[in-house]
Amino acid sequence: MNSDLESSPPPSSPPFVEKHPIRQSSRQGTPEGFHFGGFFRQAVRATAALALVLLAACRTAGGAESADSNADWLKSWRESNPVWRGVHLSAGNDEQAGTLAAELPRLAGVGVNVIVLEVDYHFQFRSHPEIAPGRAISAPGARALAQAARRQGIRLIPQLNCLGHQSWSRTTDRLLEKHPEFDETPGQFPDNKGIYCRSWCPQNPDVNTVVFALIDELCEAFEADAFHVGMDEVFLIASEHCPRCRGGDPAKLFAKAVNDLHSHIVAKRKLEMLMWADRLLDSKALGYSEWEAARNGTHPALDLIPTDIILCDWHYGKQAAYPSVPLLLQKGFRVWPSGWQPLDATQAFSAFARQQNDKRLLGYLCTTWGKVKIADTAKWPPVAEVLPEWSAAERRSPKVEARSAK
């Protein structure tokens, strides 16, 4: 991600960058020369990060917020927020979490009531410390950020990219780097040449044990009541190089991965589960690109997964209509339309979504993908201009049924 705090990852960790050819922004740039203003900003960010950790440590010593208290907060949040006005951001260490904590009042001021925070492997995992990078978000830092978000009326939902997006460029991400036996294409594509991103094998008998432990730690640290599993842009599935998946049905294999995660997150942990919707859409039938919909046979999985999953349907181009939105609603899913940039495309998608007269359409999610610094998110036009439209829609329909209820 191209944020002010994400520009200098430690050498021991993979680059914390967005994994999409049209969303990727350059991580290279000319470093600012030293000046007092820059020094002061860095000092403030470091202080904010330290304050997060100390605050969480003090609260842990005195007793963390109880599960009952968090449940009461969620019930109240649902009653007060029939429309979800979200922002998707990324953070990879406590300093970035501190920057986000400082931005929360401004985000709440423009109507944000949900943040999906992509953490991936940038967490100080205790269950599998080999996967954690040298510099990552701590459990106290995560807890303090979640509590700070709740004080602003913002629901924070952590995310870990599952199944796909296990590499970017020449860098294999932490899970497959440390556990190459989980790779869908073991021993293939040196330096990741000739592929988009690696995937893990959905039929490996041991992968879920590790992944579920990571998810559990993130959920506990962020005191989460929902979890986003990613799962966008999965191209390597049913690979001829996988001894388990070779010749398999991509849709059934994708559905297996989704259902395994659902069993753990929803059935066992009693949390809500979110995922990107693109692999569940038929590119040819809907007229979408191969990025925002599937051309590799995964789309029939749409009829093989539970309908209580929240589907984040992302599209970044300006169109007259977005047929996937009514399709997913008709299938019985709750749908969270998700745009990015440019502004006119975001406005077009938002306007189309607002026309849908269905209580299962939750609201609107603004993704950022490194195009704006964390500290400037509330001023970024797709956030500052589009999300207030959803606040106005909520005011016009004060008795609308709470769409966030299961």
Protein backbone atom coordinates (compact mmCIF):
# COMPACT_ATOMS: atom_id res chain seq x y z
CA MET A 1 0.00 0.00 0.00
CA ASN A 2 1.23 3.44 -0.84
CA SER A 3 0.63 5.22 2.44
CA ASP A 4 2.93 7.50 4.35
CA LEU A 5 3.59 4.77 6.87
CA GLU A 6 3.66 1.81 4.57
CA SER A 7 6.48 3.00 2.40
CA SER A 8 9.28 1.44 4.42
CA PRO A 9 8.57 -2.20 5.27
CA PRO A 10 11.31 -4.09 7.10
CA PRO A 11 13.67 -6.08 4.88
CA SER A 12 12.54 -9.31 6.52
CA SER A 13 8.90 -8.98 5.48
CA PRO A 14 7.22 -9.12 2.06
CA PRO A 15 6.29 -5.75 0.57
CA PHE A 16 2.93 -4.64 1.92
CA VAL A 17 1.44 -3.69 -1.43
CA GLU A 18 -1.82 -4.06 -3.22
CA LYS A 19 -2.04 -7.09 -5.44
CA HIS A 20 -3.97 -5.93 -8.50
CA PRO A 21 -2.52 -4.68 -11.79
CA ILE A 22 -4.95 -1.77 -12.16
CA ARG A 23 -5.09 -0.95 -8.47
CA GLN A 24 -1.36 -1.07 -7.79
CA SER A 25 0.27 2.26 -7.05
CA SER A 26 3.98 2.92 -7.13
CA ARG A 27 5.89 2.37 -3.91
CA GLN A 28 8.88 4.28 -5.24
CA GLY A 29 9.21 7.97 -4.68
CA THR A 30 11.67 10.65 -3.71
CA PRO A 31 12.12 10.68 0.08
CA GLU A 32 11.27 13.93 1.73
CA GLY A 33 14.24 15.93 2.88
CA PHE A 34 14.44 16.47 6.59
CA HIS A 35 12.43 19.37 7.82
CA PHE A 36 10.78 20.16 11.11
CA GLY A 37 7.24 19.58 9.88
CA GLY A 38 8.08 16.10 8.62
CA PHE A 39 9.94 15.27 11.80
CA PHE A 40 7.02 16.47 13.90
CA ARG A 41 4.52 14.37 11.96
CA GLN A 42 6.65 11.27 12.41
CA ALA A 43 6.95 11.96 16.12
CA VAL A 44 3.18 12.34 16.43
CA ARG A 45 2.60 9.05 14.62
CA ALA A 46 5.11 7.21 16.77
CA THR A 47 3.52 8.67 19.90
CA ALA A 48 0.06 7.61 18.73
CA ALA A 49 1.26 4.06 18.13
CA LEU A 50 2.89 3.90 21.55
CA ALA A 51 -0.25 5.31 23.16
CA LEU A 52 -2.33 2.57 21.53
CA VAL A 53 -0.13 -0.17 22.97
CA LEU A 54 0.05 1.39 26.45
CA LEU A 55 -3.69 1.98 26.51
CA ALA A 56 -4.43 -1.62 25.59
CA ALA A 57 -1.92 -2.90 28.15
CA CYS A 58 -3.52 -0.83 30.90
CA ARG A 59 -6.99 -2.02 29.95
CA THR A 60 -5.84 -5.63 29.84
CA ALA A 61 -4.35 -5.29 33.31
CA GLY A 62 -7.57 -3.78 34.60
CA GLY A 63 -9.79 -6.17 32.66
CA ALA A 64 -10.56 -5.92 28.94
CA GLU A 65 -14.04 -5.07 27.73
CA SER A 66 -16.15 -8.14 28.32
CA ALA A 67 -17.71 -10.23 25.59
CA ASP A 68 -21.11 -9.19 26.92
CA SER A 69 -20.15 -5.52 26.63
CA ASN A 70 -19.01 -6.03 23.03
CA ALA A 71 -22.23 -7.89 22.24
CA ASP A 72 -24.26 -5.04 23.69
CA TRP A 73 -22.26 -2.56 21.62
CA LEU A 74 -22.88 -4.58 18.44
CA LYS A 75 -26.61 -4.76 19.15
CA SER A 76 -26.74 -1.01 19.64
CA TRP A 77 -24.61 -0.43 16.53
CA ARG A 78 -26.95 -2.52 14.39
CA GLU A 79 -29.99 -0.66 15.65
CA SER A 80 -28.35 2.70 14.93
CA ASN A 81 -26.80 1.84 11.57
CA PRO A 82 -29.26 0.41 9.05
CA VAL A 83 -26.85 1.50 6.28
CA TRP A 84 -23.21 0.40 6.20
CA ARG A 85 -20.87 3.20 5.11
CA GLY A 86 -17.48 1.56 4.91
CA VAL A 87 -13.85 2.15 4.06
CA HIS A 88 -11.36 -0.59 3.24
CA LEU A 89 -7.83 0.18 4.49
CA SER A 90 -4.62 -1.68 5.20
CA ALA A 91 -2.26 -1.55 8.15
CA GLY A 92 0.89 -3.54 8.82
CA ASN A 93 2.31 -2.31 12.13
CA ASP A 94 1.40 -0.44 15.31
CA GLU A 95 2.56 2.87 13.87
CA GLN A 96 0.05 2.60 11.04
CA ALA A 97 -2.61 1.51 13.52
CA GLY A 98 -1.84 4.63 15.53
CA THR A 99 -2.24 6.79 12.46
CA LEU A 100 -5.61 5.18 11.76
CA ALA A 101 -6.69 5.71 15.37
CA ALA A 102 -5.96 9.42 15.00
CA GLU A 103 -8.02 9.53 11.77
CA LEU A 104 -11.08 7.82 13.27
CA PRO A 105 -12.88 11.01 14.42
CA ARG A 106 -12.56 12.51 10.94
CA LEU A 107 -13.79 9.31 9.31
CA ALA A 108 -16.77 9.22 11.64
CA GLY A 109 -17.37 12.86 10.74
CA VAL A 110 -17.94 12.00 7.07
CA GLY A 111 -20.26 9.16 7.98
CA VAL A 112 -17.98 6.11 8.09
CA ASN A 113 -19.41 3.45 10.41
CA VAL A 114 -17.45 0.39 9.23
CA ILE A 115 -13.74 -0.13 8.52
CA VAL A 116 -12.50 -3.31 6.86
CA LEU A 117 -8.85 -3.49 7.88
CA GLU A 118 -6.68 -5.73 5.73
CA VAL A 119 -3.97 -7.13 7.98
CA ASP A 120 -3.06 -10.36 6.18
CA TYR A 121 0.14 -11.77 7.77
CA HIS A 122 1.26 -8.45 9.27
CA PHE A 123 0.46 -9.46 12.82
CA GLN A 124 2.56 -10.76 15.70
CA PHE A 125 1.12 -14.27 15.59
CA ARG A 126 1.83 -16.42 18.63
CA SER A 127 0.36 -19.65 17.27
CA HIS A 128 2.67 -19.56 14.24
CA PRO A 129 5.43 -17.04 14.94
CA GLU A 130 7.29 -18.18 11.84
CA ILE A 131 4.62 -16.45 9.75
CA ALA A 132 4.81 -13.09 11.50
CA PRO A 133 7.21 -10.53 9.97
CA GLY A 134 9.70 -8.71 12.13
CA ARG A 135 7.56 -5.58 12.31
CA ALA A 136 3.83 -6.10 12.58
CA ILE A 137 0.69 -5.18 14.49
CA SER A 138 0.73 -6.34 18.10
CA ALA A 139 -2.24 -7.81 19.93
CA PRO A 140 -2.39 -4.82 22.33
CA GLY A 141 -2.22 -2.43 19.38
CA ALA A 142 -5.03 -4.27 17.59
CA ARG A 143 -7.23 -4.28 20.68
CA ALA A 144 -6.68 -0.59 21.36
CA LEU A 145 -7.52 0.30 17.75
CA ALA A 146 -10.73 -1.74 17.85
CA GLN A 147 -11.78 -0.08 21.09
CA ALA A 148 -10.95 3.37 19.72
CA ALA A 149 -13.11 2.57 16.68
CA ARG A 150 -16.05 1.54 18.83
CA ARG A 151 -15.84 4.79 20.76
CA GLN A 152 -16.36 6.56 17.42
CA GLY A 153 -19.31 4.32 16.50
CA ILE A 154 -17.22 2.46 13.92
CA ARG A 155 -17.31 -1.31 13.52
CA LEU A 156 -13.84 -2.65 12.71
CA ILE A 157 -13.64 -5.87 10.66
CA PRO A 158 -10.20 -7.49 10.18
CA GLN A 159 -9.25 -9.19 6.92
CA LEU A 160 -6.85 -11.97 5.95
CA ASN A 161 -6.52 -12.84 2.27
CA CYS A 162 -7.50 -16.50 1.96
CA LEU A 163 -6.85 -19.03 -0.82
CA GLY A 164 -5.51 -16.58 -3.42
CA HIS A 165 -3.24 -13.55 -3.25
CA GLN A 166 -0.48 -15.57 -1.59
CA SER A 167 2.25 -13.79 -3.54
CA TRP A 168 2.94 -10.59 -5.40
CA SER A 169 5.55 -10.09 -8.08
CA ARG A 170 8.67 -12.07 -7.06
CA THR A 171 7.73 -12.19 -3.38
CA THR A 172 5.85 -15.19 -2.00
CA ASP A 173 3.82 -14.23 1.04
CA ARG A 174 4.54 -15.52 4.52
CA LEU A 175 2.27 -18.56 4.62
CA LEU A 176 3.64 -20.25 1.52
CA GLU A 177 7.16 -19.01 2.18
CA LYS A 178 7.20 -20.82 5.50
CA HIS A 179 4.88 -23.66 4.47
CA PRO A 180 5.58 -24.39 0.79
CA GLU A 181 3.79 -27.71 1.20
CA PHE A 182 0.50 -25.75 1.12
CA ASP A 183 1.16 -24.37 -2.39
CA GLU A 184 -1.36 -25.18 -5.13
CA THR A 185 1.53 -25.26 -7.63
CA PRO A 186 4.43 -26.72 -5.58
CA GLY A 187 7.84 -26.25 -7.12
CA GLN A 188 6.45 -24.40 -10.13
CA PHE A 189 6.95 -20.86 -11.41
CA PRO A 190 10.33 -19.85 -9.95
CA ASP A 191 10.31 -16.22 -8.77
CA ASN A 192 6.54 -16.32 -9.50
CA LYS A 193 7.17 -15.66 -13.18
CA GLY A 194 4.24 -16.38 -15.48
CA ILE A 195 1.53 -16.19 -12.81
CA TYR A 196 -0.57 -13.46 -11.21
CA CYS A 197 -0.60 -14.61 -7.58
CA ARG A 198 -0.04 -17.93 -5.86
CA SER A 199 -2.83 -19.84 -4.12
CA TRP A 200 -2.85 -22.38 -1.37
CA CYS A 201 -4.29 -25.83 -2.03
CA PRO A 202 -7.86 -26.00 -0.69
CA GLN A 203 -7.52 -29.77 -0.27
CA ASN A 204 -4.27 -29.83 1.68
CA PRO A 205 -5.18 -31.63 4.92
CA ASP A 206 -3.13 -29.30 7.12
CA VAL A 207 -3.66 -25.83 5.68
CA ASN A 208 -6.90 -25.10 7.54
CA THR A 209 -5.35 -25.94 10.90
CA VAL A 210 -2.77 -23.20 10.40
CA VAL A 211 -5.07 -20.66 8.76
CA PHE A 212 -7.83 -21.07 11.35
CA ALA A 213 -5.32 -20.46 14.13
CA LEU A 214 -4.27 -17.20 12.43
CA ILE A 215 -7.89 -16.14 11.99
CA ASP A 216 -8.60 -16.90 15.65
CA GLU A 217 -5.73 -14.69 16.79
CA LEU A 218 -6.85 -11.80 14.61
CA CYS A 219 -10.45 -12.11 15.78
CA GLU A 220 -9.42 -12.19 19.43
CA ALA A 221 -6.95 -9.32 19.16
CA PHE A 222 -9.38 -7.06 17.29
CA GLU A 223 -12.32 -8.28 19.44
CA ALA A 224 -14.03 -8.91 16.12
CA ASP A 225 -17.68 -9.75 15.54
CA ALA A 226 -17.09 -10.25 11.79
CA PHE A 227 -14.22 -11.34 9.57
CA HIS A 228 -13.36 -10.70 5.91
CA VAL A 229 -11.67 -13.63 4.16
CA GLY A 230 -10.71 -11.89 0.90
CA MET A 231 -10.76 -14.62 -1.80
CA ASP A 232 -10.70 -12.27 -4.79
CA GLU A 233 -8.88 -12.87 -8.07
CA VAL A 234 -8.15 -16.55 -7.50
CA PHE A 235 -6.70 -17.79 -10.79
CA LEU A 236 -4.64 -20.77 -9.65
CA ILE A 237 -7.17 -23.43 -8.69
CA ALA A 238 -7.61 -27.04 -9.86
CA SER A 239 -4.07 -26.74 -11.15
CA GLU A 240 -2.48 -29.51 -13.17
CA HIS A 241 0.52 -29.10 -10.85
CA CYS A 242 -1.45 -29.97 -7.71
CA PRO A 243 -1.56 -33.70 -6.94
CA ARG A 244 -4.82 -33.27 -5.02
CA CYS A 245 -6.70 -30.78 -7.20
CA ARG A 246 -5.58 -31.81 -10.68
CA GLY A 247 -8.65 -32.44 -12.85
CA GLY A 248 -11.02 -31.17 -10.20
CA ASP A 249 -14.00 -28.88 -10.66
CA PRO A 250 -12.86 -25.29 -9.94
CA ALA A 251 -16.29 -24.33 -8.63
CA LYS A 252 -16.44 -27.22 -6.18
CA LEU A 253 -12.90 -26.58 -5.00
CA PHE A 254 -13.59 -22.89 -4.52
CA ALA A 255 -16.83 -23.68 -2.69
CA LYS A 256 -14.95 -26.11 -0.45
CA ALA A 257 -12.56 -23.36 0.61
CA VAL A 258 -15.46 -20.97 1.26
CA ASN A 259 -17.45 -23.57 3.18
CA ASP A 260 -14.47 -24.59 5.29
CA LEU A 261 -13.96 -20.97 6.32
CA HIS A 262 -17.68 -20.52 6.93
CA SER A 263 -17.76 -23.57 9.20
CA HIS A 264 -15.01 -22.11 11.34
CA ILE A 265 -15.92 -18.41 11.33
CA VAL A 266 -19.72 -18.58 11.34
CA ALA A 267 -20.70 -21.99 12.67
CA LYS A 268 -17.96 -22.30 15.30
CA ARG A 269 -17.03 -18.74 16.23
CA LYS A 270 -20.52 -17.24 15.63
CA LEU A 271 -19.14 -14.32 13.64
CA GLU A 272 -20.31 -12.78 10.38
CA MET A 273 -18.24 -13.63 7.32
CA LEU A 274 -17.50 -11.32 4.41
CA MET A 275 -15.72 -12.03 1.13
CA TRP A 276 -15.13 -10.44 -2.26
CA ALA A 277 -17.69 -11.62 -4.81
CA ASP A 278 -15.74 -11.67 -8.09
CA ARG A 279 -15.03 -15.43 -8.25
CA LEU A 280 -18.76 -16.09 -7.89
CA LEU A 281 -19.68 -14.09 -11.00
CA ASP A 282 -19.75 -15.33 -14.60
CA SER A 283 -17.66 -12.88 -16.60
CA LYS A 284 -19.16 -13.77 -19.97
CA ALA A 285 -22.78 -13.75 -18.83
CA LEU A 286 -22.48 -10.46 -16.97
CA GLY A 287 -20.11 -8.63 -19.30
CA TYR A 288 -17.42 -8.00 -16.71
CA SER A 289 -13.64 -8.26 -17.01
CA GLU A 290 -11.72 -11.34 -15.88
CA TRP A 291 -10.65 -9.44 -12.75
CA GLU A 292 -14.08 -8.48 -11.39
CA ALA A 293 -15.67 -11.77 -12.48
CA ALA A 294 -14.51 -15.32 -13.24
CA ARG A 295 -13.48 -16.92 -16.49
CA ASN A 296 -11.85 -19.96 -14.90
CA GLY A 297 -14.94 -21.90 -13.91
CA THR A 298 -15.37 -20.89 -10.27
CA HIS A 299 -18.64 -18.97 -10.68
CA PRO A 300 -21.02 -21.96 -10.17
CA ALA A 301 -19.80 -21.95 -6.55
CA LEU A 302 -22.38 -19.20 -6.04
CA ASP A 303 -25.02 -21.92 -5.63
CA LEU A 304 -22.82 -24.07 -3.37
CA ILE A 305 -22.16 -21.71 -0.45
CA PRO A 306 -24.31 -20.39 2.44
CA THR A 307 -26.33 -17.27 1.72
CA ASP A 308 -25.56 -15.71 5.11
CA ILE A 309 -22.12 -14.69 3.78
CA ILE A 310 -21.86 -10.97 3.02
CA LEU A 311 -20.64 -10.54 -0.57
CA CYS A 312 -18.55 -7.46 -1.33
CA ASP A 313 -19.26 -6.90 -5.01
CA TRP A 314 -16.44 -4.70 -6.35
CA HIS A 315 -16.39 -2.86 -9.67
CA TYR A 316 -14.12 0.02 -10.61
CA GLY A 317 -15.28 1.03 -14.08
CA LYS A 318 -18.11 3.40 -14.97
CA GLN A 319 -21.08 1.53 -16.41
CA ALA A 320 -24.75 2.20 -17.00
CA ALA A 321 -25.68 -0.87 -14.95
CA TYR A 322 -24.00 -3.42 -12.69
CA PRO A 323 -26.03 -6.62 -13.17
CA SER A 324 -24.20 -8.58 -10.48
CA VAL A 325 -25.83 -6.51 -7.72
CA PRO A 326 -29.45 -7.59 -8.42
CA LEU A 327 -28.23 -11.11 -9.26
CA LEU A 328 -26.58 -11.61 -5.88
CA LEU A 329 -29.54 -10.07 -4.09
CA GLN A 330 -31.92 -12.40 -5.92
CA LYS A 331 -29.78 -15.33 -4.79
CA GLY A 332 -30.50 -14.34 -1.20
CA PHE A 333 -27.13 -12.84 -0.20
CA ARG A 334 -26.51 -9.61 1.60
CA VAL A 335 -24.53 -7.45 -0.79
CA TRP A 336 -22.10 -4.66 -0.05
CA PRO A 337 -21.25 -2.81 -3.30
CA SER A 338 -17.60 -1.78 -3.28
CA GLY A 339 -16.05 0.92 -5.47
CA TRP A 340 -12.66 2.57 -5.78
CA GLN A 341 -11.79 5.26 -8.32
CA PRO A 342 -12.08 7.35 -10.48
CA LEU A 343 -14.69 9.47 -8.77
CA ASP A 344 -17.22 9.39 -11.62
CA ALA A 345 -17.12 5.58 -11.69
CA THR A 346 -17.56 5.46 -7.92
CA GLN A 347 -20.53 7.81 -8.13
CA ALA A 348 -22.10 5.78 -10.95
CA PHE A 349 -21.80 2.51 -9.02
CA SER A 350 -23.08 4.12 -5.84
CA ALA A 351 -26.08 5.61 -7.64
CA PHE A 352 -26.96 2.27 -9.24
CA ALA A 353 -26.70 0.51 -5.90
CA ARG A 354 -28.98 3.04 -4.20
CA GLN A 355 -31.67 2.25 -6.77
CA GLN A 356 -31.95 -1.33 -5.52
CA ASN A 357 -35.01 -1.67 -3.33
CA ASP A 358 -33.81 -4.59 -1.24
CA LYS A 359 -33.14 -4.68 2.47
CA ARG A 360 -30.22 -7.05 1.85
CA LEU A 361 -28.24 -4.32 0.11
CA LEU A 362 -26.17 -3.11 3.06
CA GLY A 363 -24.76 0.20 1.89
CA TYR A 364 -21.49 1.10 0.21
CA LEU A 365 -17.80 0.28 0.73
CA CYS A 366 -15.02 2.60 -0.50
CA THR A 367 -11.79 0.74 -1.21
CA THR A 368 -8.56 2.75 -1.25
CA TRP A 369 -5.78 0.40 -2.45
CA GLY A 370 -2.92 2.73 -1.59
CA LYS A 371 -4.25 5.74 -3.48
CA VAL A 372 -4.60 7.81 -0.33
CA LYS A 373 -2.59 8.03 2.87
CA ILE A 374 -4.33 6.77 5.99
CA ALA A 375 -4.20 10.22 7.53
CA ASP A 376 -5.94 11.74 4.48
CA THR A 377 -8.66 9.13 3.99
CA ALA A 378 -11.54 11.26 5.24
CA LYS A 379 -10.68 13.95 2.67
CA TRP A 380 -10.32 11.58 -0.30
CA PRO A 381 -13.13 12.41 -2.79
CA PRO A 382 -14.58 8.88 -3.15
CA VAL A 383 -14.98 8.83 0.64
CA ALA A 384 -15.85 12.47 1.28
CA GLU A 385 -18.32 12.80 -1.60
CA VAL A 386 -19.86 9.35 -2.02
CA LEU A 387 -20.42 8.07 1.52
CA PRO A 388 -22.45 11.14 2.60
CA GLU A 389 -24.94 10.22 -0.14
CA TRP A 390 -25.63 7.06 1.83
CA SER A 391 -26.05 9.08 5.03
CA ALA A 392 -28.66 11.19 3.25
CA ALA A 393 -30.41 8.03 2.04
CA GLU A 394 -30.55 6.78 5.61
CA ARG A 395 -32.08 10.03 6.83
CA ARG A 396 -34.75 9.80 4.14
CA SER A 397 -35.68 6.31 5.35
CA PRO A 398 -35.49 6.45 9.14
CA LYS A 399 -37.63 3.34 9.58
CA VAL A 400 -35.71 1.14 7.16
CA GLU A 401 -35.22 -2.36 8.50
CA ALA A 402 -31.78 -2.98 10.03
CA ARG A 403 -30.01 -4.64 7.15
CA SER A 404 -27.11 -5.78 9.27
CA ALA A 405 -29.15 -8.30 11.24
CA LYS A 406 -28.61 -11.89 10.25
